[in-house]
Structures are given as structure tokens and as C-alpha cells.
């Protein structure tokens, strides 16, 4: 009798979790920011950056929660290149 209740509970918990999951897709060579590990000693303390410099995606398996997509801001570069052309 309790086995059925346990399965029902697990099913509801899975549904609640799956509602919040956002799928992320990374392609090889996409730029991502990798989260720095908090247990690494650093003299900067709380001023230590949360993410490392941008790096390219490789086929190595990693936790998706530890990376996020990096978007390069090229707006200023575009403005500079259009200025040169108009002069």
C-alpha cells in the first residue's frame, strides 16, 4: 500500500523539477564562461570573479550548471568599422 504512495510522490516531485529545467544546447566552439571553484584559495576573497575567462566548448563532458553561454559584444566594433567606411 505504501509503495503506491511513494511512486506517486516521486512522480509529482519529478514533474515539479522538470517544470523548472531549462534545456541548454552548446555546440563545439561556442564561447562559454566556466564557473570558478569556490574552494580555490585566492587573496581576492569576496572580490574573486565568479567565472573564468571565456573558453571554447570542447567534447569534454562537464556539468551544465557550471557553465553559461558567453555572448561577445561587437556593437562598438561595428560602429567603429562603419565610421571608417563613411569617411
PDB file of N, CA and C in Angstrom:
ATOM      1  N   UNK A   1       0.829  -1.193   0.000  1.00  0.00           N
ATOM      2  CA  UNK A   1       0.000   0.000   0.000  1.00  0.00           C
ATOM      3  C   UNK A   1       0.877   1.262   0.000  1.00  0.00           C
ATOM      4  N   UNK A   2       1.950   1.263   0.776  1.00  0.00           N
ATOM      5  CA  UNK A   2       2.824   2.430   0.835  1.00  0.00           C
ATOM      6  C   UNK A   2       3.656   2.573  -0.427  1.00  0.00           C
ATOM      7  N   UNK A   3       3.863   1.480  -1.144  1.00  0.00           N
ATOM      8  CA  UNK A   3       4.669   1.513  -2.361  1.00  0.00           C
ATOM      9  C   UNK A   3       4.014   2.403  -3.420  1.00  0.00           C
ATOM     10  N   UNK A   4       2.698   2.339  -3.540  1.00  0.00           N
ATOM     11  CA  UNK A   4       1.976   3.167  -4.498  1.00  0.00           C
ATOM     12  C   UNK A   4       2.057   4.645  -4.156  1.00  0.00           C
ATOM     13  N   UNK A   5       2.000   4.975  -2.867  1.00  0.00           N
ATOM     14  CA  UNK A   5       2.107   6.366  -2.432  1.00  0.00           C
ATOM     15  C   UNK A   5       3.505   6.918  -2.713  1.00  0.00           C
ATOM     16  N   UNK A   6       4.535   6.085  -2.511  1.00  0.00           N
ATOM     17  CA  UNK A   6       5.908   6.502  -2.789  1.00  0.00           C
ATOM     18  C   UNK A   6       6.110   6.812  -4.255  1.00  0.00           C
ATOM     19  N   UNK A   7       5.557   5.982  -5.112  1.00  0.00           N
ATOM     20  CA  UNK A   7       5.679   6.220  -6.560  1.00  0.00           C
ATOM     21  C   UNK A   7       4.948   7.488  -6.977  1.00  0.00           C
ATOM     22  N   UNK A   8       3.774   7.709  -6.400  1.00  0.00           N
ATOM     23  CA  UNK A   8       3.004   8.907  -6.709  1.00  0.00           C
ATOM     24  C   UNK A   8       3.772  10.156  -6.275  1.00  0.00           C
ATOM     25  N   UNK A   9       4.372  10.090  -5.081  1.00  0.00           N
ATOM     26  CA  UNK A   9       5.165  11.207  -4.574  1.00  0.00           C
ATOM     27  C   UNK A   9       6.352  11.482  -5.493  1.00  0.00           C
ATOM     28  N   UNK A  10       7.068  10.427  -5.890  1.00  0.00           N
ATOM     29  CA  UNK A  10       8.220  10.591  -6.775  1.00  0.00           C
ATOM     30  C   UNK A  10       7.805  11.178  -8.121  1.00  0.00           C
ATOM     31  N   UNK A  11       6.668  10.742  -8.634  1.00  0.00           N
ATOM     32  CA  UNK A  11       6.173  11.254  -9.915  1.00  0.00           C
ATOM     33  C   UNK A  11       5.875  12.753  -9.809  1.00  0.00           C
ATOM     34  N   UNK A  12       5.247  13.170  -8.722  1.00  0.00           N
ATOM     35  CA  UNK A  12       4.932  14.588  -8.533  1.00  0.00           C
ATOM     36  C   UNK A  12       6.196  15.426  -8.351  1.00  0.00           C
ATOM     37  N   UNK A  13       7.162  14.902  -7.620  1.00  0.00           N
ATOM     38  CA  UNK A  13       8.421  15.610  -7.418  1.00  0.00           C
ATOM     39  C   UNK A  13       9.150  15.767  -8.762  1.00  0.00           C
ATOM     40  N   UNK A  14       9.148  14.734  -9.588  1.00  0.00           N
ATOM     41  CA  UNK A  14       9.794  14.798 -10.896  1.00  0.00           C
ATOM     42  C   UNK A  14       9.113  15.839 -11.775  1.00  0.00           C
ATOM     43  N   UNK A  15       7.791  15.879 -11.767  1.00  0.00           N
ATOM     44  CA  UNK A  15       7.059  16.857 -12.564  1.00  0.00           C
ATOM     45  C   UNK A  15       7.386  18.287 -12.116  1.00  0.00           C
ATOM     46  N   UNK A  16       7.460  18.513 -10.808  1.00  0.00           N
ATOM     47  CA  UNK A  16       7.777  19.844 -10.291  1.00  0.00           C
ATOM     48  C   UNK A  16       9.194  20.243 -10.688  1.00  0.00           C
ATOM     49  N   UNK A  17      10.118  19.307 -10.627  1.00  0.00           N
ATOM     50  CA  UNK A  17      11.505  19.593 -11.012  1.00  0.00           C
ATOM     51  C   UNK A  17      11.610  19.872 -12.503  1.00  0.00           C
ATOM     52  N   UNK A  18      10.949  19.046 -13.316  1.00  0.00           N
ATOM     53  CA  UNK A  18      11.035  19.184 -14.776  1.00  0.00           C
ATOM     54  C   UNK A  18      10.433  20.499 -15.268  1.00  0.00           C
ATOM     55  N   UNK A  19       9.505  21.089 -14.528  1.00  0.00           N
ATOM     56  CA  UNK A  19       8.929  22.379 -14.920  1.00  0.00           C
ATOM     57  C   UNK A  19       9.987  23.478 -14.929  1.00  0.00           C
ATOM     58  N   UNK A  20      10.933  23.374 -13.988  1.00  0.00           N
ATOM     59  CA  UNK A  20      11.934  24.424 -13.825  1.00  0.00           C
ATOM     60  C   UNK A  20      13.178  24.214 -14.674  1.00  0.00           C
ATOM     61  N   UNK A  21      13.332  23.043 -15.251  1.00  0.00           N
ATOM     62  CA  UNK A  21      14.533  22.743 -16.036  1.00  0.00           C
ATOM     63  C   UNK A  21      14.460  23.454 -17.378  1.00  0.00           C
ATOM     64  N   UNK A  22      15.538  24.187 -17.699  1.00  0.00           N
ATOM     65  CA  UNK A  22      15.623  24.846 -19.000  1.00  0.00           C
ATOM     66  C   UNK A  22      16.709  24.160 -19.804  1.00  0.00           C
ATOM     67  N   UNK A  23      16.345  23.566 -20.932  1.00  0.00           N
ATOM     68  CA  UNK A  23      17.376  22.873 -21.717  1.00  0.00           C
ATOM     69  C   UNK A  23      18.386  23.854 -22.288  1.00  0.00           C
ATOM     70  N   UNK A  24      19.645  23.470 -22.280  1.00  0.00           N
ATOM     71  CA  UNK A  24      20.713  24.286 -22.840  1.00  0.00           C
ATOM     72  C   UNK A  24      21.447  23.464 -23.880  1.00  0.00           C
ATOM     73  N   UNK A  25      21.697  24.074 -24.992  1.00  0.00           N
ATOM     74  CA  UNK A  25      22.426  23.390 -26.046  1.00  0.00           C
ATOM     75  C   UNK A  25      23.686  24.169 -26.358  1.00  0.00           C
ATOM     76  N   UNK A  26      24.788  23.474 -26.335  1.00  0.00           N
ATOM     77  CA  UNK A  26      26.066  24.068 -26.677  1.00  0.00           C
ATOM     78  C   UNK A  26      26.633  23.330 -27.869  1.00  0.00           C
ATOM     79  N   UNK A  27      27.150  24.077 -28.807  1.00  0.00           N
ATOM     80  CA  UNK A  27      27.819  23.488 -29.971  1.00  0.00           C
ATOM     81  C   UNK A  27      29.315  23.629 -29.755  1.00  0.00           C
ATOM     82  N   UNK A  28      30.072  22.766 -30.411  1.00  0.00           N
ATOM     83  CA  UNK A  28      31.508  22.869 -30.322  1.00  0.00           C
ATOM     84  C   UNK A  28      31.944  24.227 -30.854  1.00  0.00           C
ATOM     85  N   UNK A  29      32.878  24.846 -30.189  1.00  0.00           N
ATOM     86  CA  UNK A  29      33.432  26.172 -30.492  1.00  0.00           C
ATOM     87  C   UNK A  29      32.568  27.324 -29.975  1.00  0.00           C
ATOM     88  N   UNK A  30      31.406  27.057 -29.360  1.00  0.00           N
ATOM     89  CA  UNK A  30      30.659  28.133 -28.702  1.00  0.00           C
ATOM     90  C   UNK A  30      31.504  28.666 -27.558  1.00  0.00           C
ATOM     91  N   UNK A  31      31.412  29.949 -27.297  1.00  0.00           N
ATOM     92  CA  UNK A  31      32.140  30.518 -26.166  1.00  0.00           C
ATOM     93  C   UNK A  31      31.292  30.400 -24.909  1.00  0.00           C
ATOM     94  N   UNK A  32      31.903  29.931 -23.829  1.00  0.00           N
ATOM     95  CA  UNK A  32      31.206  29.785 -22.559  1.00  0.00           C
ATOM     96  C   UNK A  32      32.075  30.323 -21.437  1.00  0.00           C
ATOM     97  N   UNK A  33      31.426  30.669 -20.347  1.00  0.00           N
ATOM     98  CA  UNK A  33      32.120  31.052 -19.131  1.00  0.00           C
ATOM     99  C   UNK A  33      32.025  29.876 -18.165  1.00  0.00           C
ATOM    100  N   UNK A  34      33.155  29.461 -17.608  1.00  0.00           N
ATOM    101  CA  UNK A  34      33.179  28.342 -16.679  1.00  0.00           C
ATOM    102  C   UNK A  34      33.251  28.882 -15.261  1.00  0.00           C
ATOM    103  N   UNK A  35      32.388  28.372 -14.397  1.00  0.00           N
ATOM    104  CA  UNK A  35      32.321  28.826 -13.015  1.00  0.00           C
ATOM    105  C   UNK A  35      33.615  28.470 -12.288  1.00  0.00           C
ATOM    106  N   UNK A  36      34.134  29.417 -11.509  1.00  0.00           N
ATOM    107  CA  UNK A  36      35.326  29.143 -10.717  1.00  0.00           C
ATOM    108  C   UNK A  36      34.922  28.351  -9.486  1.00  0.00           C
ATOM    109  N   UNK A  37      35.792  27.491  -9.040  1.00  0.00           N
ATOM    110  CA  UNK A  37      35.501  26.683  -7.862  1.00  0.00           C
ATOM    111  C   UNK A  37      35.745  27.524  -6.621  1.00  0.00           C
ATOM    112  N   UNK A  38      34.779  27.539  -5.730  1.00  0.00           N
ATOM    113  CA  UNK A  38      34.837  28.420  -4.565  1.00  0.00           C
ATOM    114  C   UNK A  38      35.883  27.987  -3.548  1.00  0.00           C
ATOM    115  N   UNK A  39      36.323  26.750  -3.586  1.00  0.00           N
ATOM    116  CA  UNK A  39      37.290  26.289  -2.593  1.00  0.00           C
ATOM    117  C   UNK A  39      38.736  26.566  -2.986  1.00  0.00           C
ATOM    118  N   UNK A  40      38.949  27.215  -4.120  1.00  0.00           N
ATOM    119  CA  UNK A  40      40.308  27.562  -4.514  1.00  0.00           C
ATOM    120  C   UNK A  40      40.774  28.764  -3.703  1.00  0.00           C
ATOM    121  N   UNK A  41      41.948  28.676  -3.052  1.00  0.00           N
ATOM    122  CA  UNK A  41      42.425  29.816  -2.266  1.00  0.00           C
ATOM    123  C   UNK A  41      42.824  30.980  -3.163  1.00  0.00           C
ATOM    124  N   UNK A  42      42.392  32.164  -2.796  1.00  0.00           N
ATOM    125  CA  UNK A  42      42.714  33.352  -3.566  1.00  0.00           C
ATOM    126  C   UNK A  42      42.762  34.542  -2.613  1.00  0.00           C
ATOM    127  N   UNK A  43      43.714  35.421  -2.833  1.00  0.00           N
ATOM    128  CA  UNK A  43      43.856  36.575  -1.943  1.00  0.00           C
ATOM    129  C   UNK A  43      42.764  37.619  -2.165  1.00  0.00           C
ATOM    130  N   UNK A  44      41.998  37.493  -3.245  1.00  0.00           N
ATOM    131  CA  UNK A  44      40.963  38.483  -3.554  1.00  0.00           C
ATOM    132  C   UNK A  44      39.727  38.308  -2.677  1.00  0.00           C
ATOM    133  N   UNK A  45      39.551  37.131  -2.095  1.00  0.00           N
ATOM    134  CA  UNK A  45      38.404  36.885  -1.216  1.00  0.00           C
ATOM    135  C   UNK A  45      37.083  37.039  -1.940  1.00  0.00           C
ATOM    136  N   UNK A  46      36.202  37.874  -1.384  1.00  0.00           N
ATOM    137  CA  UNK A  46      34.872  38.033  -1.982  1.00  0.00           C
ATOM    138  C   UNK A  46      34.910  38.776  -3.319  1.00  0.00           C
ATOM    139  N   UNK A  47      36.029  39.403  -3.656  1.00  0.00           N
ATOM    140  CA  UNK A  47      36.150  40.127  -4.920  1.00  0.00           C
ATOM    141  C   UNK A  47      36.614  39.212  -6.055  1.00  0.00           C
ATOM    142  N   UNK A  48      36.801  37.938  -5.763  1.00  0.00           N
ATOM    143  CA  UNK A  48      37.221  36.980  -6.782  1.00  0.00           C
ATOM    144  C   UNK A  48      36.111  36.821  -7.824  1.00  0.00           C
ATOM    145  N   UNK A  49      36.434  36.801  -9.103  1.00  0.00           N
ATOM    146  CA  UNK A  49      35.387  36.659 -10.120  1.00  0.00           C
ATOM    147  C   UNK A  49      34.688  35.304 -10.012  1.00  0.00           C
ATOM    148  N   UNK A  50      33.402  35.275 -10.365  1.00  0.00           N
ATOM    149  CA  UNK A  50      32.620  34.044 -10.289  1.00  0.00           C
ATOM    150  C   UNK A  50      32.897  33.114 -11.458  1.00  0.00           C
ATOM    151  N   UNK A  51      33.356  33.676 -12.579  1.00  0.00           N
ATOM    152  CA  UNK A  51      33.592  32.870 -13.774  1.00  0.00           C
ATOM    153  C   UNK A  51      34.991  33.128 -14.304  1.00  0.00           C
ATOM    154  N   UNK A  52      35.558  32.104 -14.955  1.00  0.00           N
ATOM    155  CA  UNK A  52      36.859  32.227 -15.604  1.00  0.00           C
ATOM    156  C   UNK A  52      36.682  32.966 -16.924  1.00  0.00           C
ATOM    157  N   UNK A  53      37.785  33.254 -17.601  1.00  0.00           N
ATOM    158  CA  UNK A  53      37.727  33.905 -18.909  1.00  0.00           C
ATOM    159  C   UNK A  53      36.974  33.017 -19.895  1.00  0.00           C
ATOM    160  N   UNK A  54      36.400  33.611 -20.969  1.00  0.00           N
ATOM    161  CA  UNK A  54      35.672  32.808 -21.947  1.00  0.00           C
ATOM    162  C   UNK A  54      36.566  31.726 -22.558  1.00  0.00           C
ATOM    163  N   UNK A  55      35.974  30.560 -22.767  1.00  0.00           N
ATOM    164  CA  UNK A  55      36.694  29.469 -23.416  1.00  0.00           C
ATOM    165  C   UNK A  55      35.748  28.793 -24.400  1.00  0.00           C
ATOM    166  N   UNK A  56      36.309  28.063 -25.341  1.00  0.00           N
ATOM    167  CA  UNK A  56      35.512  27.391 -26.367  1.00  0.00           C
ATOM    168  C   UNK A  56      35.044  26.034 -25.850  1.00  0.00           C
ATOM    169  N   UNK A  57      33.868  25.617 -26.302  1.00  0.00           N
ATOM    170  CA  UNK A  57      33.312  24.326 -25.925  1.00  0.00           C
ATOM    171  C   UNK A  57      34.092  23.229 -26.642  1.00  0.00           C
ATOM    172  N   UNK A  58      34.414  22.190 -25.892  1.00  0.00           N
ATOM    173  CA  UNK A  58      35.089  21.015 -26.445  1.00  0.00           C
ATOM    174  C   UNK A  58      34.223  19.801 -26.153  1.00  0.00           C
ATOM    175  N   UNK A  59      34.542  18.646 -26.725  1.00  0.00           N
ATOM    176  CA  UNK A  59      33.716  17.450 -26.468  1.00  0.00           C
ATOM    177  C   UNK A  59      33.807  16.895 -25.051  1.00  0.00           C
ATOM    178  N   UNK A  60      34.556  17.533 -24.173  1.00  0.00           N
ATOM    179  CA  UNK A  60      34.690  17.053 -22.798  1.00  0.00           C
ATOM    180  C   UNK A  60      33.365  17.229 -22.056  1.00  0.00           C
ATOM    181  N   UNK A  61      32.992  16.231 -21.282  1.00  0.00           N
ATOM    182  CA  UNK A  61      31.755  16.284 -20.514  1.00  0.00           C
ATOM    183  C   UNK A  61      31.952  17.134 -19.268  1.00  0.00           C
ATOM    184  N   UNK A  62      30.989  18.010 -19.008  1.00  0.00           N
ATOM    185  CA  UNK A  62      31.035  18.847 -17.803  1.00  0.00           C
ATOM    186  C   UNK A  62      29.618  19.100 -17.330  1.00  0.00           C
ATOM    187  N   UNK A  63      29.480  19.524 -16.120  1.00  0.00           N
ATOM    188  CA  UNK A  63      28.185  19.846 -15.545  1.00  0.00           C
ATOM    189  C   UNK A  63      27.672  21.132 -16.195  1.00  0.00           C
ATOM    190  N   UNK A  64      26.483  21.090 -16.739  1.00  0.00           N
ATOM    191  CA  UNK A  64      25.924  22.250 -17.434  1.00  0.00           C
ATOM    192  C   UNK A  64      25.676  23.395 -16.462  1.00  0.00           C
ATOM    193  N   UNK A  65      25.479  23.082 -15.203  1.00  0.00           N
ATOM    194  CA  UNK A  65      25.280  24.124 -14.209  1.00  0.00           C
ATOM    195  C   UNK A  65      26.535  24.939 -13.944  1.00  0.00           C
ATOM    196  N   UNK A  66      27.686  24.435 -14.382  1.00  0.00           N
ATOM    197  CA  UNK A  66      28.957  25.115 -14.124  1.00  0.00           C
ATOM    198  C   UNK A  66      29.387  26.011 -15.280  1.00  0.00           C
ATOM    199  N   UNK A  67      28.612  26.047 -16.356  1.00  0.00           N
ATOM    200  CA  UNK A  67      28.962  26.891 -17.496  1.00  0.00           C
ATOM    201  C   UNK A  67      27.751  27.686 -17.944  1.00  0.00           C
ATOM    202  N   UNK A  68      28.016  28.820 -18.572  1.00  0.00           N
ATOM    203  CA  UNK A  68      26.926  29.571 -19.192  1.00  0.00           C
ATOM    204  C   UNK A  68      27.458  30.175 -20.483  1.00  0.00           C
ATOM    205  N   UNK A  69      26.558  30.389 -21.411  1.00  0.00           N
ATOM    206  CA  UNK A  69      26.936  30.883 -22.727  1.00  0.00           C
ATOM    207  C   UNK A  69      27.472  32.303 -22.633  1.00  0.00           C
ATOM    208  N   UNK A  70      28.483  32.574 -23.430  1.00  0.00           N
ATOM    209  CA  UNK A  70      29.124  33.884 -23.441  1.00  0.00           C
ATOM    210  C   UNK A  70      28.824  34.541 -24.778  1.00  0.00           C
ATOM    211  N   UNK A  71      28.280  35.736 -24.746  1.00  0.00           N
ATOM    212  CA  UNK A  71      27.963  36.469 -25.959  1.00  0.00           C
ATOM    213  C   UNK A  71      28.918  37.649 -26.076  1.00  0.00           C
ATOM    214  N   UNK A  72      29.616  37.719 -27.183  1.00  0.00           N
ATOM    215  CA  UNK A  72      30.585  38.779 -27.411  1.00  0.00           C
ATOM    216  C   UNK A  72      29.855  40.029 -27.856  1.00  0.00           C
ATOM    217  N   UNK A  73      30.184  41.136 -27.230  1.00  0.00           N
ATOM    218  CA  UNK A  73      29.581  42.405 -27.623  1.00  0.00           C
ATOM    219  C   UNK A  73      30.422  42.999 -28.732  1.00  0.00           C
ATOM    220  N   UNK A  74      29.869  43.029 -29.930  1.00  0.00           N
ATOM    221  CA  UNK A  74      30.610  43.567 -31.068  1.00  0.00           C
ATOM    222  C   UNK A  74      29.976  44.850 -31.586  1.00  0.00           C
ATOM    223  N   UNK A  75      29.083  45.441 -30.829  1.00  0.00           N
ATOM    224  CA  UNK A  75      28.390  46.642 -31.274  1.00  0.00           C
ATOM    225  C   UNK A  75      29.379  47.783 -31.484  1.00  0.00           C
ATOM    226  N   UNK A  76      30.297  47.983 -30.534  1.00  0.00           N
ATOM    227  CA  UNK A  76      31.281  49.047 -30.671  1.00  0.00           C
ATOM    228  C   UNK A  76      32.196  48.812 -31.866  1.00  0.00           C
ATOM    229  N   UNK A  77      32.544  47.561 -32.109  1.00  0.00           N
ATOM    230  CA  UNK A  77      33.384  47.235 -33.251  1.00  0.00           C
ATOM    231  C   UNK A  77      32.668  47.535 -34.555  1.00  0.00           C
ATOM    232  N   UNK A  78      31.382  47.270 -34.611  1.00  0.00           N
ATOM    233  CA  UNK A  78      30.593  47.545 -35.816  1.00  0.00           C
ATOM    234  C   UNK A  78      30.518  49.054 -36.043  1.00  0.00           C
ATOM    235  N   UNK A  79      30.292  49.814 -34.962  1.00  0.00           N
ATOM    236  CA  UNK A  79      30.218  51.271 -35.095  1.00  0.00           C
ATOM    237  C   UNK A  79      31.533  51.842 -35.593  1.00  0.00           C
ATOM    238  N   UNK A  80      32.651  51.345 -35.076  1.00  0.00           N
ATOM    239  CA  UNK A  80      33.962  51.820 -35.498  1.00  0.00           C
ATOM    240  C   UNK A  80      34.215  51.505 -36.965  1.00  0.00           C
ATOM    241  N   UNK A  81      33.821  50.320 -37.404  1.00  0.00           N
ATOM    242  CA  UNK A  81      34.076  49.940 -38.797  1.00  0.00           C
ATOM    243  C   UNK A  81      33.201  50.744 -39.760  1.00  0.00           C
ATOM    244  N   UNK A  82      31.976  51.109 -39.339  1.00  0.00           N
ATOM    245  CA  UNK A  82      31.119  51.907 -40.217  1.00  0.00           C
ATOM    246  C   UNK A  82      31.599  53.349 -40.297  1.00  0.00           C
ATOM    247  N   UNK A  83      32.198  53.857 -39.217  1.00  0.00           N
ATOM    248  CA  UNK A  83      32.746  55.204 -39.243  1.00  0.00           C
ATOM    249  C   UNK A  83      33.882  55.318 -40.244  1.00  0.00           C
ATOM    250  N   UNK A  84      34.736  54.324 -40.290  1.00  0.00           N
ATOM    251  CA  UNK A  84      35.860  54.331 -41.200  1.00  0.00           C
ATOM    252  C   UNK A  84      35.405  54.323 -42.655  1.00  0.00           C
ATOM    253  N   UNK A  85      34.337  53.602 -42.933  1.00  0.00           N
ATOM    254  CA  UNK A  85      33.840  53.494 -44.297  1.00  0.00           C
ATOM    255  C   UNK A  85      33.208  54.794 -44.790  1.00  0.00           C
ATOM    256  N   UNK A  86      32.568  55.533 -43.882  1.00  0.00           N
ATOM    257  CA  UNK A  86      31.857  56.741 -44.292  1.00  0.00           C
ATOM    258  C   UNK A  86      32.804  57.925 -44.507  1.00  0.00           C
ATOM    259  N   UNK A  87      33.979  57.853 -43.951  1.00  0.00           N
ATOM    260  CA  UNK A  87      34.913  58.988 -44.091  1.00  0.00           C
ATOM    261  C   UNK A  87      35.676  58.940 -45.373  1.00  0.00           C
TER     262      UNK A  87
END
